[in-house]
Amino acid sequence: MGFNTGTIETEYAEVSEHWSPRVIADLNGQSVKLAKVQGHLAWHSHRDEDELFLIWKGALTIESCREVSSIIRLRRRNAGSCFSSRRRPSIPAMSSPTRRRP
């Protein structure tokens, strides 16, 4: 059994492409991912997967359509989750969300 440590800033510096998450930790079948985002990501869904978004810098908007369309706006140091629904994340300016997904 090991113990992994690191800083978000160090890991974030290793992310080179927008919308290409980097796995920074795994535990109990879940992955913690760090991503640089800019603009819009296409509408998509993750069948049988939920996502937790933790915004480290900037802000993130997530449009979701389950039974009712909704828009979630997350700011620095806020978190939000999406549950197996169609979604489209977007960003007004460069931000750094941390994403956790199985």
N, C-alpha and C. Protein backbone atom coordinates (compact mmCIF):
# COMPACT_ATOMS: atom_id res chain seq x y z
N MET A 1 0.84 -1.17 0.00
CA MET A 1 0.00 0.00 0.00
C MET A 1 0.90 1.24 0.00
N GLY A 2 0.62 2.20 -0.88
CA GLY A 2 1.45 3.39 -0.96
C GLY A 2 0.68 4.64 -0.59
N PHE A 3 1.40 5.71 -0.51
CA PHE A 3 0.81 7.01 -0.20
C PHE A 3 1.31 7.99 -1.24
N ASN A 4 0.38 8.55 -2.03
CA ASN A 4 0.75 9.49 -3.08
C ASN A 4 0.48 10.92 -2.63
N THR A 5 1.43 11.80 -2.92
CA THR A 5 1.24 13.21 -2.61
C THR A 5 1.62 14.04 -3.82
N GLY A 6 1.15 15.24 -3.85
CA GLY A 6 1.46 16.17 -4.93
C GLY A 6 0.63 17.42 -4.74
N THR A 7 0.95 18.44 -5.49
CA THR A 7 0.15 19.66 -5.40
C THR A 7 -0.65 19.82 -6.67
N ILE A 8 -1.78 20.44 -6.55
CA ILE A 8 -2.61 20.68 -7.73
C ILE A 8 -1.85 21.55 -8.73
N GLU A 9 -1.11 22.53 -8.25
CA GLU A 9 -0.36 23.40 -9.15
C GLU A 9 0.67 22.62 -9.96
N THR A 10 1.38 21.70 -9.31
CA THR A 10 2.39 20.89 -10.01
C THR A 10 1.72 20.00 -11.05
N GLU A 11 0.65 19.33 -10.68
CA GLU A 11 -0.06 18.46 -11.62
C GLU A 11 -0.68 19.26 -12.76
N TYR A 12 -1.24 20.42 -12.45
CA TYR A 12 -1.86 21.27 -13.46
C TYR A 12 -0.84 21.71 -14.52
N ALA A 13 0.36 21.96 -14.09
CA ALA A 13 1.42 22.37 -15.03
C ALA A 13 1.73 21.29 -16.06
N GLU A 14 1.43 20.03 -15.73
CA GLU A 14 1.68 18.91 -16.63
C GLU A 14 0.57 18.72 -17.68
N VAL A 15 -0.57 19.37 -17.49
CA VAL A 15 -1.68 19.25 -18.44
C VAL A 15 -1.38 20.16 -19.62
N SER A 16 -1.32 19.58 -20.83
CA SER A 16 -0.91 20.36 -21.99
C SER A 16 -2.04 20.73 -22.94
N GLU A 17 -3.13 19.96 -22.96
CA GLU A 17 -4.22 20.22 -23.90
C GLU A 17 -5.53 20.49 -23.17
N HIS A 18 -6.34 21.37 -23.75
CA HIS A 18 -7.66 21.63 -23.19
C HIS A 18 -8.56 20.41 -23.36
N TRP A 19 -9.41 20.17 -22.38
CA TRP A 19 -10.39 19.08 -22.38
C TRP A 19 -9.73 17.70 -22.46
N SER A 20 -8.48 17.58 -22.05
CA SER A 20 -7.78 16.29 -22.00
C SER A 20 -7.34 16.05 -20.55
N PRO A 21 -8.23 15.50 -19.73
CA PRO A 21 -7.94 15.34 -18.31
C PRO A 21 -6.72 14.46 -18.02
N ARG A 22 -6.04 14.79 -16.95
CA ARG A 22 -4.88 14.02 -16.47
C ARG A 22 -5.30 13.38 -15.14
N VAL A 23 -5.13 12.06 -15.04
CA VAL A 23 -5.44 11.35 -13.80
C VAL A 23 -4.34 11.68 -12.79
N ILE A 24 -4.75 12.21 -11.63
CA ILE A 24 -3.77 12.54 -10.60
C ILE A 24 -3.87 11.62 -9.39
N ALA A 25 -4.95 10.84 -9.33
CA ALA A 25 -5.09 9.87 -8.23
C ALA A 25 -6.20 8.87 -8.57
N ASP A 26 -6.08 7.68 -8.04
CA ASP A 26 -7.10 6.64 -8.16
C ASP A 26 -7.35 6.08 -6.77
N LEU A 27 -8.63 5.85 -6.46
CA LEU A 27 -8.95 5.22 -5.19
C LEU A 27 -10.32 4.58 -5.28
N ASN A 28 -10.44 3.36 -4.77
CA ASN A 28 -11.71 2.64 -4.74
C ASN A 28 -12.45 2.64 -6.08
N GLY A 29 -11.72 2.45 -7.17
CA GLY A 29 -12.33 2.40 -8.48
C GLY A 29 -12.71 3.75 -9.08
N GLN A 30 -12.32 4.82 -8.43
CA GLN A 30 -12.61 6.17 -8.89
C GLN A 30 -11.30 6.86 -9.29
N SER A 31 -11.39 7.74 -10.26
CA SER A 31 -10.22 8.51 -10.68
C SER A 31 -10.45 9.98 -10.40
N VAL A 32 -9.41 10.64 -9.91
CA VAL A 32 -9.44 12.09 -9.75
C VAL A 32 -8.65 12.64 -10.92
N LYS A 33 -9.30 13.51 -11.72
CA LYS A 33 -8.69 14.03 -12.92
C LYS A 33 -8.61 15.55 -12.86
N LEU A 34 -7.57 16.08 -13.48
CA LEU A 34 -7.35 17.51 -13.54
C LEU A 34 -7.39 17.90 -15.00
N ALA A 35 -8.07 19.01 -15.34
CA ALA A 35 -8.18 19.39 -16.75
C ALA A 35 -8.08 20.90 -16.91
N LYS A 36 -7.55 21.30 -18.05
CA LYS A 36 -7.62 22.69 -18.49
C LYS A 36 -8.75 22.73 -19.50
N VAL A 37 -9.60 23.73 -19.36
CA VAL A 37 -10.75 23.82 -20.26
C VAL A 37 -10.84 25.21 -20.85
N GLN A 38 -11.41 25.26 -22.05
CA GLN A 38 -11.60 26.53 -22.73
C GLN A 38 -12.70 26.35 -23.77
N GLY A 39 -13.59 27.31 -23.88
CA GLY A 39 -14.68 27.22 -24.83
C GLY A 39 -15.73 26.21 -24.39
N HIS A 40 -16.37 25.54 -25.36
CA HIS A 40 -17.42 24.55 -25.08
C HIS A 40 -16.91 23.15 -25.40
N LEU A 41 -17.38 22.18 -24.65
CA LEU A 41 -17.21 20.78 -25.00
C LEU A 41 -18.54 20.33 -25.59
N ALA A 42 -18.54 19.43 -26.54
CA ALA A 42 -19.77 18.97 -27.19
C ALA A 42 -20.71 18.32 -26.17
N TRP A 43 -22.01 18.35 -26.47
CA TRP A 43 -22.98 17.64 -25.65
C TRP A 43 -22.57 16.17 -25.59
N HIS A 44 -22.59 15.60 -24.40
CA HIS A 44 -22.22 14.20 -24.23
C HIS A 44 -22.82 13.65 -22.94
N SER A 45 -22.69 12.35 -22.77
CA SER A 45 -23.12 11.73 -21.51
C SER A 45 -22.19 10.58 -21.20
N HIS A 46 -22.19 10.18 -19.96
CA HIS A 46 -21.40 9.04 -19.50
C HIS A 46 -22.39 8.06 -18.89
N ARG A 47 -22.73 7.05 -19.66
CA ARG A 47 -23.71 6.06 -19.18
C ARG A 47 -23.15 5.37 -17.94
N ASP A 48 -23.96 5.29 -16.92
CA ASP A 48 -23.60 4.63 -15.67
C ASP A 48 -22.42 5.28 -14.96
N GLU A 49 -22.17 6.55 -15.24
CA GLU A 49 -21.09 7.27 -14.55
C GLU A 49 -21.61 8.62 -14.08
N ASP A 50 -21.17 9.00 -12.91
CA ASP A 50 -21.44 10.33 -12.39
C ASP A 50 -20.13 11.10 -12.38
N GLU A 51 -20.22 12.42 -12.40
CA GLU A 51 -19.01 13.23 -12.36
C GLU A 51 -19.13 14.27 -11.25
N LEU A 52 -18.03 14.53 -10.60
CA LEU A 52 -17.93 15.59 -9.62
C LEU A 52 -16.96 16.61 -10.20
N PHE A 53 -17.37 17.87 -10.23
CA PHE A 53 -16.51 18.94 -10.71
C PHE A 53 -16.14 19.83 -9.53
N LEU A 54 -14.85 20.04 -9.31
CA LEU A 54 -14.36 20.94 -8.29
C LEU A 54 -13.57 22.02 -9.02
N ILE A 55 -13.99 23.25 -8.89
CA ILE A 55 -13.35 24.34 -9.62
C ILE A 55 -12.23 24.92 -8.76
N TRP A 56 -11.02 24.83 -9.27
CA TRP A 56 -9.86 25.33 -8.54
C TRP A 56 -9.60 26.79 -8.88
N LYS A 57 -9.70 27.15 -10.16
CA LYS A 57 -9.53 28.53 -10.63
C LYS A 57 -10.64 28.83 -11.61
N GLY A 58 -11.03 30.08 -11.72
CA GLY A 58 -11.98 30.50 -12.74
C GLY A 58 -13.40 30.06 -12.45
N ALA A 59 -14.11 29.68 -13.51
CA ALA A 59 -15.52 29.30 -13.40
C ALA A 59 -15.85 28.29 -14.49
N LEU A 60 -16.95 27.56 -14.30
CA LEU A 60 -17.39 26.57 -15.27
C LEU A 60 -18.92 26.57 -15.29
N THR A 61 -19.49 26.51 -16.49
CA THR A 61 -20.93 26.40 -16.67
C THR A 61 -21.21 25.01 -17.22
N ILE A 62 -22.20 24.32 -16.65
CA ILE A 62 -22.58 23.00 -17.14
C ILE A 62 -24.06 23.05 -17.50
N GLU A 63 -24.34 22.88 -18.79
CA GLU A 63 -25.73 22.77 -19.24
C GLU A 63 -26.08 21.29 -19.16
N SER A 64 -27.24 21.01 -18.60
CA SER A 64 -27.66 19.62 -18.41
C SER A 64 -29.08 19.45 -18.89
N CYS A 65 -29.37 18.30 -19.48
CA CYS A 65 -30.76 18.03 -19.83
C CYS A 65 -31.09 16.61 -19.39
N ARG A 66 -31.81 16.55 -18.33
CA ARG A 66 -32.34 15.27 -17.82
C ARG A 66 -33.83 15.33 -18.08
N GLU A 67 -34.65 15.39 -17.07
CA GLU A 67 -36.08 15.61 -17.31
C GLU A 67 -36.33 17.07 -17.66
N VAL A 68 -35.58 17.96 -17.03
CA VAL A 68 -35.72 19.39 -17.24
C VAL A 68 -34.32 19.95 -17.51
N SER A 69 -34.22 20.83 -18.49
CA SER A 69 -32.93 21.46 -18.78
C SER A 69 -32.54 22.36 -17.62
N SER A 70 -31.25 22.38 -17.33
CA SER A 70 -30.76 23.26 -16.27
C SER A 70 -29.37 23.75 -16.60
N ILE A 71 -29.01 24.84 -15.98
CA ILE A 71 -27.67 25.39 -16.14
C ILE A 71 -27.08 25.55 -14.74
N ILE A 72 -25.90 24.98 -14.56
CA ILE A 72 -25.19 25.05 -13.29
C ILE A 72 -23.96 25.92 -13.51
N ARG A 73 -23.78 26.92 -12.68
CA ARG A 73 -22.59 27.78 -12.78
C ARG A 73 -21.75 27.57 -11.53
N LEU A 74 -20.53 27.14 -11.72
CA LEU A 74 -19.62 26.91 -10.60
C LEU A 74 -18.49 27.91 -10.66
N ARG A 75 -18.14 28.45 -9.51
CA ARG A 75 -17.04 29.40 -9.42
C ARG A 75 -15.90 28.79 -8.60
N ARG A 76 -14.81 29.52 -8.54
CA ARG A 76 -13.62 29.10 -7.80
C ARG A 76 -13.98 28.53 -6.43
N ARG A 77 -13.41 27.37 -6.14
CA ARG A 77 -13.57 26.67 -4.86
C ARG A 77 -15.00 26.16 -4.62
N ASN A 78 -15.79 26.01 -5.70
CA ASN A 78 -17.13 25.41 -5.62
C ASN A 78 -17.08 24.03 -6.26
N ALA A 79 -18.07 23.22 -5.95
CA ALA A 79 -18.16 21.89 -6.53
C ALA A 79 -19.59 21.62 -6.98
N GLY A 80 -19.73 20.74 -7.95
CA GLY A 80 -21.04 20.33 -8.43
C GLY A 80 -20.92 18.94 -9.04
N SER A 81 -22.04 18.25 -9.21
CA SER A 81 -21.98 16.91 -9.77
C SER A 81 -23.04 16.73 -10.84
N CYS A 82 -22.78 15.81 -11.75
CA CYS A 82 -23.71 15.45 -12.82
C CYS A 82 -23.95 13.95 -12.72
N PHE A 83 -25.20 13.55 -12.88
CA PHE A 83 -25.57 12.15 -12.73
C PHE A 83 -26.08 11.58 -14.03
N SER A 84 -25.24 10.92 -14.77
CA SER A 84 -25.61 10.15 -15.97
C SER A 84 -26.56 10.88 -16.92
N SER A 85 -26.50 12.17 -16.99
CA SER A 85 -27.36 12.92 -17.91
C SER A 85 -26.52 13.54 -19.02
N ARG A 86 -27.21 13.92 -20.10
CA ARG A 86 -26.51 14.64 -21.17
C ARG A 86 -26.08 15.99 -20.63
N ARG A 87 -24.84 16.38 -20.98
CA ARG A 87 -24.33 17.64 -20.47
C ARG A 87 -23.36 18.27 -21.45
N ARG A 88 -23.18 19.58 -21.28
CA ARG A 88 -22.22 20.31 -22.10
C ARG A 88 -21.54 21.33 -21.20
N PRO A 89 -20.31 21.03 -20.78
CA PRO A 89 -19.55 22.00 -19.99
C PRO A 89 -19.01 23.10 -20.90
N SER A 90 -18.93 24.29 -20.37
CA SER A 90 -18.32 25.39 -21.10
C SER A 90 -17.69 26.34 -20.10
N ILE A 91 -16.89 27.23 -20.63
CA ILE A 91 -16.14 28.11 -19.76
C ILE A 91 -16.07 29.51 -20.36
N PRO A 92 -16.27 30.54 -19.55
CA PRO A 92 -16.19 31.89 -20.08
C PRO A 92 -14.76 32.34 -20.35
N ALA A 93 -13.80 31.85 -19.57
CA ALA A 93 -12.37 32.15 -19.74
C ALA A 93 -11.61 30.96 -19.20
N MET A 94 -10.29 30.89 -19.40
CA MET A 94 -9.53 29.73 -18.97
C MET A 94 -9.70 29.50 -17.47
N SER A 95 -10.08 28.30 -17.11
CA SER A 95 -10.24 27.89 -15.72
C SER A 95 -9.63 26.52 -15.52
N SER A 96 -9.61 26.05 -14.30
CA SER A 96 -8.98 24.79 -13.96
C SER A 96 -9.86 23.93 -13.07
N PRO A 97 -10.84 23.25 -13.64
CA PRO A 97 -11.62 22.37 -12.77
C PRO A 97 -10.88 21.06 -12.51
N THR A 98 -11.15 20.47 -11.39
CA THR A 98 -10.69 19.11 -11.10
C THR A 98 -11.90 18.23 -11.27
N ARG A 99 -11.75 17.13 -11.97
CA ARG A 99 -12.88 16.28 -12.26
C ARG A 99 -12.63 14.89 -11.68
N ARG A 100 -13.66 14.30 -11.09
CA ARG A 100 -13.55 12.96 -10.53
C ARG A 100 -14.61 12.10 -11.19
N ARG A 101 -14.17 10.99 -11.77
CA ARG A 101 -15.11 10.10 -12.46
C ARG A 101 -14.56 8.69 -12.41
N PRO A 102 -15.47 7.69 -12.31
CA PRO A 102 -14.97 6.30 -12.33
C PRO A 102 -14.44 5.92 -13.69
